[in-house]
């Protein structure tokens, strides 16, 4: 048998093998993505934004705990504050821990942002872990109001990871009276 003929047969045999293996691998990957969608990579830009953050002042802490299906705390009687119900749209961060912090700020009589309340500066860490490539999530935060009848606003910050060096989103609530 001439050498050119055996080389041609080998090339044809290799081509047939590839023609069988490639579709099989593609089908298996497609089946894996169908059975376990979490294996599918997130394609596109990563983006996070607060889509809303209404604030409800003068909420009792006990009522807040009941709405969250949490047991009452012994010292919560008579404690009032504000409830912030924020919403997030998250794209491209599936499985990552995103941390939400809030800061209570005083609002000056002219409407400008005043000093930060030192007891609630980047307080209450909530962890949001999206379970899909694109998700909409929402959480509620109870903010203790130190002085009644004072004007406040709440700043929400969302960070990637456990440190404060990768801020992904920032929002500020409307002004309210404590």
N, C-alpha and C. Protein backbone atom coordinates (compact mmCIF):
# COMPACT_ATOMS: atom_id res chain seq x y z
N UNK A 1 0.85 -1.17 0.00
CA UNK A 1 0.00 0.00 0.00
C UNK A 1 0.91 1.24 0.00
N UNK A 2 0.65 2.19 -0.88
CA UNK A 2 1.47 3.39 -0.92
C UNK A 2 1.31 4.21 0.36
N UNK A 3 2.37 4.96 0.68
CA UNK A 3 2.37 5.76 1.91
C UNK A 3 1.31 6.85 1.89
N UNK A 4 1.04 7.47 0.76
CA UNK A 4 0.04 8.53 0.66
C UNK A 4 -1.35 8.01 0.98
N UNK A 5 -1.62 6.76 0.56
CA UNK A 5 -2.94 6.18 0.78
C UNK A 5 -3.18 5.91 2.26
N UNK A 6 -2.19 5.39 3.00
CA UNK A 6 -2.38 5.11 4.43
C UNK A 6 -2.51 6.42 5.22
N UNK A 7 -1.78 7.45 4.82
CA UNK A 7 -1.91 8.76 5.47
C UNK A 7 -3.28 9.36 5.23
N UNK A 8 -3.82 9.16 4.05
CA UNK A 8 -5.15 9.66 3.74
C UNK A 8 -6.21 8.94 4.54
N UNK A 9 -6.01 7.62 4.70
CA UNK A 9 -6.97 6.86 5.51
C UNK A 9 -6.93 7.29 6.97
N UNK A 10 -5.72 7.54 7.46
CA UNK A 10 -5.60 8.00 8.85
C UNK A 10 -6.29 9.35 9.03
N UNK A 11 -6.08 10.27 8.10
CA UNK A 11 -6.71 11.59 8.18
C UNK A 11 -8.22 11.47 8.12
N UNK A 12 -8.73 10.59 7.25
CA UNK A 12 -10.16 10.38 7.13
C UNK A 12 -10.71 9.77 8.42
N UNK A 13 -9.98 8.83 8.99
CA UNK A 13 -10.40 8.18 10.24
C UNK A 13 -10.41 9.20 11.39
N UNK A 14 -9.41 10.05 11.45
CA UNK A 14 -9.34 11.07 12.50
C UNK A 14 -10.48 12.06 12.33
N UNK A 15 -10.79 12.43 11.09
CA UNK A 15 -11.88 13.36 10.82
C UNK A 15 -13.22 12.75 11.25
N UNK A 16 -13.41 11.47 10.98
CA UNK A 16 -14.66 10.80 11.40
C UNK A 16 -14.77 10.76 12.92
N UNK A 17 -13.66 10.50 13.59
CA UNK A 17 -13.66 10.45 15.05
C UNK A 17 -14.02 11.82 15.63
N UNK A 18 -13.44 12.86 15.07
CA UNK A 18 -13.74 14.22 15.53
C UNK A 18 -15.20 14.56 15.25
N UNK A 19 -15.70 14.12 14.09
CA UNK A 19 -17.09 14.40 13.72
C UNK A 19 -18.07 13.71 14.68
N UNK A 20 -17.66 12.65 15.32
CA UNK A 20 -18.51 11.96 16.29
C UNK A 20 -18.34 12.57 17.68
N UNK A 21 -17.11 12.87 18.08
CA UNK A 21 -16.83 13.32 19.44
C UNK A 21 -17.33 14.75 19.70
N UNK A 22 -17.12 15.68 18.78
CA UNK A 22 -17.50 17.08 19.00
C UNK A 22 -19.00 17.22 19.25
N UNK A 23 -19.88 16.68 18.40
CA UNK A 23 -21.31 16.81 18.70
C UNK A 23 -21.71 16.13 20.01
N UNK A 24 -21.03 15.04 20.33
CA UNK A 24 -21.33 14.34 21.58
C UNK A 24 -20.97 15.22 22.78
N UNK A 25 -19.82 15.88 22.74
CA UNK A 25 -19.41 16.77 23.82
C UNK A 25 -20.37 17.96 23.92
N UNK A 26 -20.74 18.53 22.78
CA UNK A 26 -21.68 19.66 22.78
C UNK A 26 -23.02 19.23 23.38
N UNK A 27 -23.48 18.05 23.02
CA UNK A 27 -24.76 17.55 23.56
C UNK A 27 -24.66 17.32 25.07
N UNK A 28 -23.54 16.77 25.53
CA UNK A 28 -23.36 16.52 26.97
C UNK A 28 -23.30 17.84 27.75
N UNK A 29 -22.62 18.84 27.21
CA UNK A 29 -22.55 20.14 27.88
C UNK A 29 -23.94 20.76 27.91
N UNK A 30 -24.67 20.69 26.82
CA UNK A 30 -26.04 21.22 26.78
C UNK A 30 -26.94 20.52 27.77
N UNK A 31 -26.79 19.20 27.90
CA UNK A 31 -27.58 18.43 28.88
C UNK A 31 -27.21 18.85 30.30
N UNK A 32 -25.92 19.03 30.54
CA UNK A 32 -25.48 19.46 31.88
C UNK A 32 -26.08 20.83 32.23
N UNK A 33 -26.10 21.79 31.27
CA UNK A 33 -26.67 23.10 31.51
C UNK A 33 -28.18 23.02 31.73
N UNK A 34 -28.83 22.07 31.08
CA UNK A 34 -30.27 21.90 31.26
C UNK A 34 -30.58 21.33 32.64
N UNK A 35 -29.79 20.34 33.06
CA UNK A 35 -30.01 19.70 34.36
C UNK A 35 -29.57 20.61 35.50
N UNK A 36 -28.45 21.28 35.33
CA UNK A 36 -27.91 22.17 36.36
C UNK A 36 -27.63 23.54 35.77
N UNK A 37 -28.65 24.41 35.68
CA UNK A 37 -28.46 25.74 35.07
C UNK A 37 -27.37 26.57 35.76
N UNK A 38 -27.09 26.27 37.02
CA UNK A 38 -26.06 27.04 37.73
C UNK A 38 -24.66 26.81 37.15
N UNK A 39 -24.49 25.77 36.33
CA UNK A 39 -23.19 25.53 35.70
C UNK A 39 -22.95 26.45 34.51
N UNK A 40 -24.02 26.99 33.94
CA UNK A 40 -23.91 27.84 32.76
C UNK A 40 -23.20 29.14 33.14
N UNK A 41 -22.16 29.52 32.40
CA UNK A 41 -21.46 30.76 32.73
C UNK A 41 -22.33 31.98 32.45
N UNK A 42 -22.13 33.03 33.25
CA UNK A 42 -22.83 34.28 33.03
C UNK A 42 -22.10 35.03 31.90
N UNK A 43 -22.85 35.39 30.88
CA UNK A 43 -22.27 36.07 29.73
C UNK A 43 -22.78 37.51 29.72
N UNK A 44 -21.90 38.43 29.44
CA UNK A 44 -22.30 39.83 29.38
C UNK A 44 -21.69 40.63 30.52
N UNK A 45 -22.11 41.88 30.60
CA UNK A 45 -21.59 42.79 31.60
C UNK A 45 -22.12 42.49 32.98
N UNK A 46 -21.31 42.72 33.99
CA UNK A 46 -21.75 42.63 35.38
C UNK A 46 -22.21 44.01 35.82
N UNK A 47 -23.38 44.06 36.46
CA UNK A 47 -23.94 45.33 36.86
C UNK A 47 -24.84 45.12 38.07
N UNK A 48 -24.84 46.08 38.98
CA UNK A 48 -25.72 46.06 40.14
C UNK A 48 -26.28 47.46 40.32
N UNK A 49 -27.56 47.54 40.64
CA UNK A 49 -28.12 48.85 40.96
C UNK A 49 -29.28 48.71 41.94
N UNK A 50 -29.37 49.69 42.82
CA UNK A 50 -30.55 49.80 43.68
C UNK A 50 -31.67 50.34 42.80
N UNK A 51 -32.80 49.66 42.79
CA UNK A 51 -33.91 50.11 41.94
C UNK A 51 -34.99 50.82 42.74
N UNK A 52 -34.87 50.83 44.04
CA UNK A 52 -35.81 51.53 44.89
C UNK A 52 -35.41 51.36 46.34
N UNK A 53 -35.74 52.35 47.15
CA UNK A 53 -35.43 52.28 48.58
C UNK A 53 -36.38 53.19 49.35
N UNK A 54 -37.68 52.85 49.36
CA UNK A 54 -38.59 53.68 50.15
C UNK A 54 -38.32 53.50 51.64
N UNK A 55 -38.56 54.55 52.38
CA UNK A 55 -38.33 54.53 53.82
C UNK A 55 -39.67 54.79 54.53
N UNK A 56 -39.88 54.04 55.60
CA UNK A 56 -41.11 54.16 56.39
C UNK A 56 -40.72 54.53 57.82
N UNK A 57 -40.89 55.81 58.18
CA UNK A 57 -40.47 56.25 59.52
C UNK A 57 -41.47 55.84 60.60
N UNK A 58 -41.00 55.94 61.83
CA UNK A 58 -41.81 55.68 63.03
C UNK A 58 -42.44 54.28 63.02
N UNK A 59 -41.60 53.28 62.76
CA UNK A 59 -42.01 51.88 62.79
C UNK A 59 -41.50 51.27 64.09
N UNK A 60 -42.35 50.52 64.76
CA UNK A 60 -41.87 49.87 65.98
C UNK A 60 -41.00 48.67 65.62
N UNK A 61 -39.98 48.45 66.40
CA UNK A 61 -39.05 47.36 66.15
C UNK A 61 -39.77 46.01 66.27
N UNK A 62 -40.71 45.91 67.20
CA UNK A 62 -41.47 44.67 67.37
C UNK A 62 -42.26 44.32 66.11
N UNK A 63 -42.92 45.31 65.51
CA UNK A 63 -43.67 45.06 64.27
C UNK A 63 -42.74 44.68 63.13
N UNK A 64 -41.59 45.33 63.07
CA UNK A 64 -40.60 44.99 62.05
C UNK A 64 -40.18 43.52 62.19
N UNK A 65 -39.88 43.10 63.42
CA UNK A 65 -39.46 41.71 63.65
C UNK A 65 -40.57 40.73 63.25
N UNK A 66 -41.82 41.04 63.57
CA UNK A 66 -42.94 40.16 63.18
C UNK A 66 -43.05 40.05 61.67
N UNK A 67 -42.90 41.17 60.94
CA UNK A 67 -42.96 41.12 59.47
C UNK A 67 -41.84 40.29 58.88
N UNK A 68 -40.73 40.23 59.58
CA UNK A 68 -39.58 39.44 59.11
C UNK A 68 -39.66 37.98 59.59
N UNK A 69 -40.74 37.64 60.28
CA UNK A 69 -40.90 36.30 60.88
C UNK A 69 -39.76 35.96 61.84
N UNK A 70 -39.36 36.96 62.62
CA UNK A 70 -38.31 36.78 63.62
C UNK A 70 -38.94 36.87 65.01
N UNK A 71 -38.36 36.17 65.97
CA UNK A 71 -38.91 36.22 67.33
C UNK A 71 -38.68 37.59 67.96
N UNK A 72 -39.58 38.01 68.86
CA UNK A 72 -39.39 39.30 69.52
C UNK A 72 -38.15 39.29 70.41
N UNK A 73 -37.53 40.44 70.53
CA UNK A 73 -36.36 40.57 71.40
C UNK A 73 -36.82 41.18 72.71
N UNK A 74 -36.23 40.77 73.84
CA UNK A 74 -36.70 41.23 75.15
C UNK A 74 -36.68 42.75 75.33
N UNK A 75 -35.70 43.44 74.79
CA UNK A 75 -35.57 44.88 74.99
C UNK A 75 -36.17 45.70 73.85
N UNK A 76 -37.03 45.08 73.02
CA UNK A 76 -37.52 45.79 71.84
C UNK A 76 -38.80 46.60 72.09
N UNK A 77 -39.41 46.44 73.26
CA UNK A 77 -40.64 47.19 73.55
C UNK A 77 -40.36 48.69 73.56
N UNK A 78 -41.14 49.44 72.82
CA UNK A 78 -41.01 50.89 72.79
C UNK A 78 -39.93 51.41 71.87
N UNK A 79 -39.18 50.54 71.22
CA UNK A 79 -38.13 50.99 70.31
C UNK A 79 -38.76 51.29 68.95
N UNK A 80 -38.53 52.49 68.46
CA UNK A 80 -39.03 52.85 67.13
C UNK A 80 -37.88 53.32 66.26
N UNK A 81 -38.11 53.22 64.98
CA UNK A 81 -37.09 53.64 64.02
C UNK A 81 -37.72 53.79 62.66
N UNK A 82 -36.94 53.53 61.65
CA UNK A 82 -37.41 53.60 60.27
C UNK A 82 -37.10 52.28 59.59
N UNK A 83 -37.99 51.88 58.71
CA UNK A 83 -37.78 50.66 57.93
C UNK A 83 -37.48 51.07 56.49
N UNK A 84 -36.37 50.59 55.97
CA UNK A 84 -35.99 50.84 54.58
C UNK A 84 -36.17 49.53 53.83
N UNK A 85 -37.00 49.56 52.79
CA UNK A 85 -37.25 48.37 51.96
C UNK A 85 -36.61 48.61 50.60
N UNK A 86 -35.43 48.04 50.41
CA UNK A 86 -34.70 48.31 49.17
C UNK A 86 -34.81 47.13 48.20
N UNK A 87 -34.69 47.47 46.93
CA UNK A 87 -34.68 46.48 45.86
C UNK A 87 -33.39 46.62 45.06
N UNK A 88 -32.92 45.48 44.55
CA UNK A 88 -31.68 45.44 43.77
C UNK A 88 -31.92 44.70 42.46
N UNK A 89 -31.25 45.15 41.41
CA UNK A 89 -31.17 44.38 40.18
C UNK A 89 -29.70 44.00 40.03
N UNK A 90 -29.44 42.70 39.90
CA UNK A 90 -28.08 42.18 39.87
C UNK A 90 -27.89 41.38 38.59
N UNK A 91 -26.85 41.71 37.82
CA UNK A 91 -26.52 40.98 36.60
C UNK A 91 -25.06 40.55 36.67
N UNK A 92 -24.82 39.26 36.49
CA UNK A 92 -23.45 38.75 36.36
C UNK A 92 -22.72 38.43 37.64
N UNK A 93 -23.38 38.35 38.77
CA UNK A 93 -22.71 38.07 40.04
C UNK A 93 -23.23 36.79 40.70
N UNK A 94 -23.69 35.84 39.91
CA UNK A 94 -24.25 34.61 40.46
C UNK A 94 -23.26 33.94 41.42
N UNK A 95 -23.77 33.59 42.62
CA UNK A 95 -22.97 32.88 43.60
C UNK A 95 -22.00 33.74 44.40
N UNK A 96 -21.89 35.01 44.08
CA UNK A 96 -20.96 35.87 44.82
C UNK A 96 -21.67 36.54 45.99
N UNK A 97 -20.92 36.72 47.07
CA UNK A 97 -21.48 37.41 48.24
C UNK A 97 -21.36 38.91 48.03
N UNK A 98 -22.51 39.55 48.01
CA UNK A 98 -22.56 41.01 47.92
C UNK A 98 -23.08 41.52 49.25
N UNK A 99 -22.38 42.47 49.83
CA UNK A 99 -22.72 42.95 51.17
C UNK A 99 -23.35 44.34 51.10
N UNK A 100 -24.44 44.49 51.84
CA UNK A 100 -25.17 45.76 51.88
C UNK A 100 -24.97 46.38 53.27
N UNK A 101 -24.59 47.65 53.28
CA UNK A 101 -24.43 48.41 54.51
C UNK A 101 -25.32 49.64 54.44
N UNK A 102 -25.71 50.16 55.61
CA UNK A 102 -26.46 51.42 55.61
C UNK A 102 -25.78 52.40 56.55
N UNK A 103 -25.98 53.68 56.24
CA UNK A 103 -25.47 54.77 57.06
C UNK A 103 -26.60 55.77 57.27
N UNK A 104 -26.85 56.12 58.53
CA UNK A 104 -27.85 57.13 58.86
C UNK A 104 -27.18 58.49 58.86
N UNK A 105 -27.73 59.43 58.09
CA UNK A 105 -27.17 60.78 58.04
C UNK A 105 -28.23 61.80 58.43
N UNK A 106 -27.79 62.84 59.12
CA UNK A 106 -28.67 63.96 59.45
C UNK A 106 -28.85 64.80 58.18
N UNK A 107 -30.01 65.42 58.05
CA UNK A 107 -30.27 66.33 56.93
C UNK A 107 -30.45 67.73 57.51
N UNK A 108 -29.67 68.65 56.98
CA UNK A 108 -29.68 70.03 57.47
C UNK A 108 -31.00 70.73 57.08
N UNK A 109 -31.34 71.83 57.76
CA UNK A 109 -32.57 72.56 57.42
C UNK A 109 -32.66 73.00 55.96
N UNK A 110 -31.49 73.26 55.33
CA UNK A 110 -31.51 73.69 53.92
C UNK A 110 -31.59 72.50 52.95
N UNK A 111 -31.68 71.27 53.49
CA UNK A 111 -31.82 70.08 52.65
C UNK A 111 -30.53 69.38 52.30
N UNK A 112 -29.40 69.95 52.71
CA UNK A 112 -28.12 69.31 52.41
C UNK A 112 -27.84 68.20 53.41
N UNK A 113 -26.99 67.27 52.99
CA UNK A 113 -26.61 66.16 53.85
C UNK A 113 -25.74 66.67 54.98
N UNK A 114 -26.08 66.29 56.19
CA UNK A 114 -25.33 66.70 57.37
C UNK A 114 -24.40 65.59 57.82
N UNK A 115 -24.05 65.61 59.11
CA UNK A 115 -23.11 64.62 59.62
C UNK A 115 -23.71 63.21 59.69
N UNK A 116 -22.82 62.26 59.65
CA UNK A 116 -23.19 60.85 59.79
C UNK A 116 -23.42 60.55 61.27
N UNK A 117 -24.45 59.76 61.56
CA UNK A 117 -24.65 59.29 62.93
C UNK A 117 -23.55 58.26 63.20
N UNK A 118 -22.64 58.53 64.15
CA UNK A 118 -21.49 57.63 64.34
C UNK A 118 -21.87 56.22 64.79
N UNK A 119 -23.05 56.06 65.39
CA UNK A 119 -23.44 54.72 65.83
C UNK A 119 -24.02 53.88 64.69
N UNK A 120 -24.28 54.53 63.53
CA UNK A 120 -24.87 53.80 62.41
C UNK A 120 -24.17 54.16 61.10
N UNK A 121 -22.86 54.12 61.14
CA UNK A 121 -22.04 54.39 59.96
C UNK A 121 -21.61 53.06 59.37
N UNK A 122 -22.13 52.73 58.20
CA UNK A 122 -21.91 51.43 57.54
C UNK A 122 -22.28 50.30 58.49
N UNK A 123 -23.48 50.39 58.98
CA UNK A 123 -23.99 49.41 59.95
C UNK A 123 -24.71 48.28 59.23
N UNK A 124 -25.09 47.28 59.98
CA UNK A 124 -25.86 46.11 59.56
C UNK A 124 -25.43 45.59 58.20
N UNK A 125 -24.66 44.59 58.27
CA UNK A 125 -24.21 43.94 57.04
C UNK A 125 -25.23 42.89 56.65
N UNK A 126 -25.83 43.06 55.49
CA UNK A 126 -26.71 42.05 54.92
C UNK A 126 -25.97 41.42 53.75
N UNK A 127 -26.06 40.12 53.62
CA UNK A 127 -25.41 39.45 52.51
C UNK A 127 -26.46 39.00 51.51
N UNK A 128 -26.26 39.41 50.27
CA UNK A 128 -27.12 38.99 49.17
C UNK A 128 -26.26 38.11 48.27
N UNK A 129 -26.71 36.89 48.00
CA UNK A 129 -25.99 35.97 47.13
C UNK A 129 -26.92 35.56 45.99
N UNK A 130 -26.81 36.23 44.84
CA UNK A 130 -27.70 35.89 43.72
C UNK A 130 -27.51 34.44 43.28
N UNK A 131 -28.62 33.76 42.98
CA UNK A 131 -28.53 32.36 42.56
C UNK A 131 -28.71 32.19 41.05
N UNK A 132 -28.75 33.31 40.33
CA UNK A 132 -28.82 33.23 38.87
C UNK A 132 -28.00 34.39 38.29
N UNK A 133 -27.76 34.33 36.98
CA UNK A 133 -26.96 35.37 36.33
C UNK A 133 -27.62 36.73 36.41
N UNK A 134 -28.94 36.75 36.36
CA UNK A 134 -29.68 38.00 36.41
C UNK A 134 -30.80 37.83 37.43
N UNK A 135 -30.84 38.69 38.43
CA UNK A 135 -31.87 38.54 39.45
C UNK A 135 -32.29 39.89 40.00
N UNK A 136 -33.48 39.88 40.57
CA UNK A 136 -34.00 41.03 41.28
C UNK A 136 -34.24 40.57 42.70
N UNK A 137 -33.73 41.32 43.65
CA UNK A 137 -33.81 40.91 45.05
C UNK A 137 -34.28 42.11 45.87
N UNK A 138 -34.74 41.84 47.04
CA UNK A 138 -35.15 42.91 47.94
C UNK A 138 -34.97 42.49 49.38
N UNK A 139 -34.64 43.43 50.21
CA UNK A 139 -34.44 43.19 51.64
C UNK A 139 -35.01 44.38 52.40
N UNK A 140 -35.21 44.18 53.69
CA UNK A 140 -35.66 45.24 54.58
C UNK A 140 -34.61 45.45 55.67
N UNK A 141 -34.42 46.71 56.04
CA UNK A 141 -33.46 47.07 57.08
C UNK A 141 -34.18 47.95 58.11
N UNK A 142 -33.98 47.66 59.38
CA UNK A 142 -34.51 48.51 60.45
C UNK A 142 -33.40 49.45 60.89
N UNK A 143 -33.69 50.74 60.89
CA UNK A 143 -32.71 51.76 61.26
C UNK A 143 -33.19 52.43 62.55
N UNK A 144 -32.41 52.33 63.59
CA UNK A 144 -32.75 52.96 64.86
C UNK A 144 -32.58 54.48 64.72
N UNK A 145 -33.58 55.23 65.12
CA UNK A 145 -33.53 56.70 65.02
C UNK A 145 -33.20 57.25 66.41
N UNK A 146 -32.03 57.90 66.55
CA UNK A 146 -31.60 58.36 67.88
C UNK A 146 -32.39 59.53 68.44
N UNK A 147 -32.86 60.43 67.57
CA UNK A 147 -33.58 61.61 68.07
C UNK A 147 -34.86 61.80 67.26
N UNK A 148 -36.01 61.81 67.92
CA UNK A 148 -37.27 62.03 67.18
C UNK A 148 -37.34 63.45 66.61
N UNK A 149 -38.13 63.59 65.58
CA UNK A 149 -38.43 64.87 64.92
C UNK A 149 -37.22 65.50 64.22
N UNK A 150 -36.11 64.80 64.15
CA UNK A 150 -34.94 65.28 63.41
C UNK A 150 -35.04 64.72 61.99
N UNK A 151 -34.57 65.48 61.01
CA UNK A 151 -34.63 65.03 59.62
C UNK A 151 -33.42 64.15 59.30
N UNK A 152 -33.70 63.02 58.66
CA UNK A 152 -32.66 62.04 58.34
C UNK A 152 -32.80 61.56 56.90
N UNK A 153 -31.77 60.86 56.47
CA UNK A 153 -31.77 60.10 55.23
C UNK A 153 -30.88 58.89 55.48
N UNK A 154 -31.09 57.84 54.71
CA UNK A 154 -30.27 56.63 54.85
C UNK A 154 -29.53 56.41 53.54
N UNK A 155 -28.22 56.18 53.64
CA UNK A 155 -27.39 55.85 52.49
C UNK A 155 -27.18 54.35 52.49
N UNK A 156 -27.46 53.72 51.35
CA UNK A 156 -27.24 52.28 51.17
C UNK A 156 -26.04 52.08 50.27
N UNK A 157 -25.16 51.16 50.65
CA UNK A 157 -23.98 50.84 49.85
C UNK A 157 -23.90 49.34 49.66
N UNK A 158 -23.54 48.91 48.47
CA UNK A 158 -23.39 47.50 48.18
C UNK A 158 -21.95 47.24 47.74
N UNK A 159 -21.30 46.28 48.40
CA UNK A 159 -19.90 45.97 48.14
C UNK A 159 -19.75 44.52 47.72
N UNK A 160 -18.74 44.29 46.89
CA UNK A 160 -18.37 42.93 46.49
C UNK A 160 -17.30 42.44 47.45
N UNK A 161 -17.53 41.28 48.05
CA UNK A 161 -16.55 40.71 48.95
C UNK A 161 -16.65 41.26 50.36
N UNK A 162 -15.68 40.89 51.18
CA UNK A 162 -15.73 41.20 52.60
C UNK A 162 -15.08 42.54 52.96
N UNK A 163 -14.47 43.21 52.00
CA UNK A 163 -13.82 44.49 52.30
C UNK A 163 -14.62 45.64 51.69
N UNK A 164 -14.27 46.83 52.08
CA UNK A 164 -14.99 48.02 51.60
C UNK A 164 -14.26 48.70 50.44
N UNK A 165 -13.53 47.95 49.64
CA UNK A 165 -12.79 48.58 48.54
C UNK A 165 -13.40 48.33 47.15
N UNK A 166 -14.51 47.58 47.08
CA UNK A 166 -15.14 47.34 45.78
C UNK A 166 -16.63 47.69 45.84
N UNK A 167 -16.93 48.97 45.98
CA UNK A 167 -18.32 49.39 46.02
C UNK A 167 -18.93 49.26 44.62
N UNK A 168 -20.07 48.60 44.55
CA UNK A 168 -20.75 48.37 43.28
C UNK A 168 -21.94 49.29 43.08
N UNK A 169 -22.59 49.70 44.16
CA UNK A 169 -23.79 50.53 44.03
C UNK A 169 -23.97 51.39 45.28
N UNK A 170 -24.65 52.52 45.09
CA UNK A 170 -24.90 53.47 46.17
C UNK A 170 -26.27 54.09 45.93
N UNK A 171 -27.04 54.24 47.00
CA UNK A 171 -28.35 54.88 46.89
C UNK A 171 -28.62 55.64 48.17
N UNK A 172 -29.47 56.67 48.08
CA UNK A 172 -29.85 57.43 49.25
C UNK A 172 -31.37 57.55 49.26
N UNK A 173 -31.96 57.33 50.43
CA UNK A 173 -33.41 57.41 50.56
C UNK A 173 -33.86 58.87 50.53
N UNK A 174 -35.15 59.04 50.44
CA UNK A 174 -35.70 60.39 50.56
C UNK A 174 -35.55 60.84 52.02
N UNK A 175 -35.68 62.12 52.23
CA UNK A 175 -35.56 62.70 53.58
C UNK A 175 -36.83 62.35 54.36
N UNK A 176 -36.65 62.04 55.64
CA UNK A 176 -37.79 61.73 56.51
C UNK A 176 -37.52 62.26 57.91
N UNK A 177 -38.57 62.36 58.71
CA UNK A 177 -38.44 62.78 60.11
C UNK A 177 -38.51 61.54 60.99
N UNK A 178 -37.58 61.51 61.94
CA UNK A 178 -37.53 60.38 62.87
C UNK A 178 -38.63 60.45 63.90
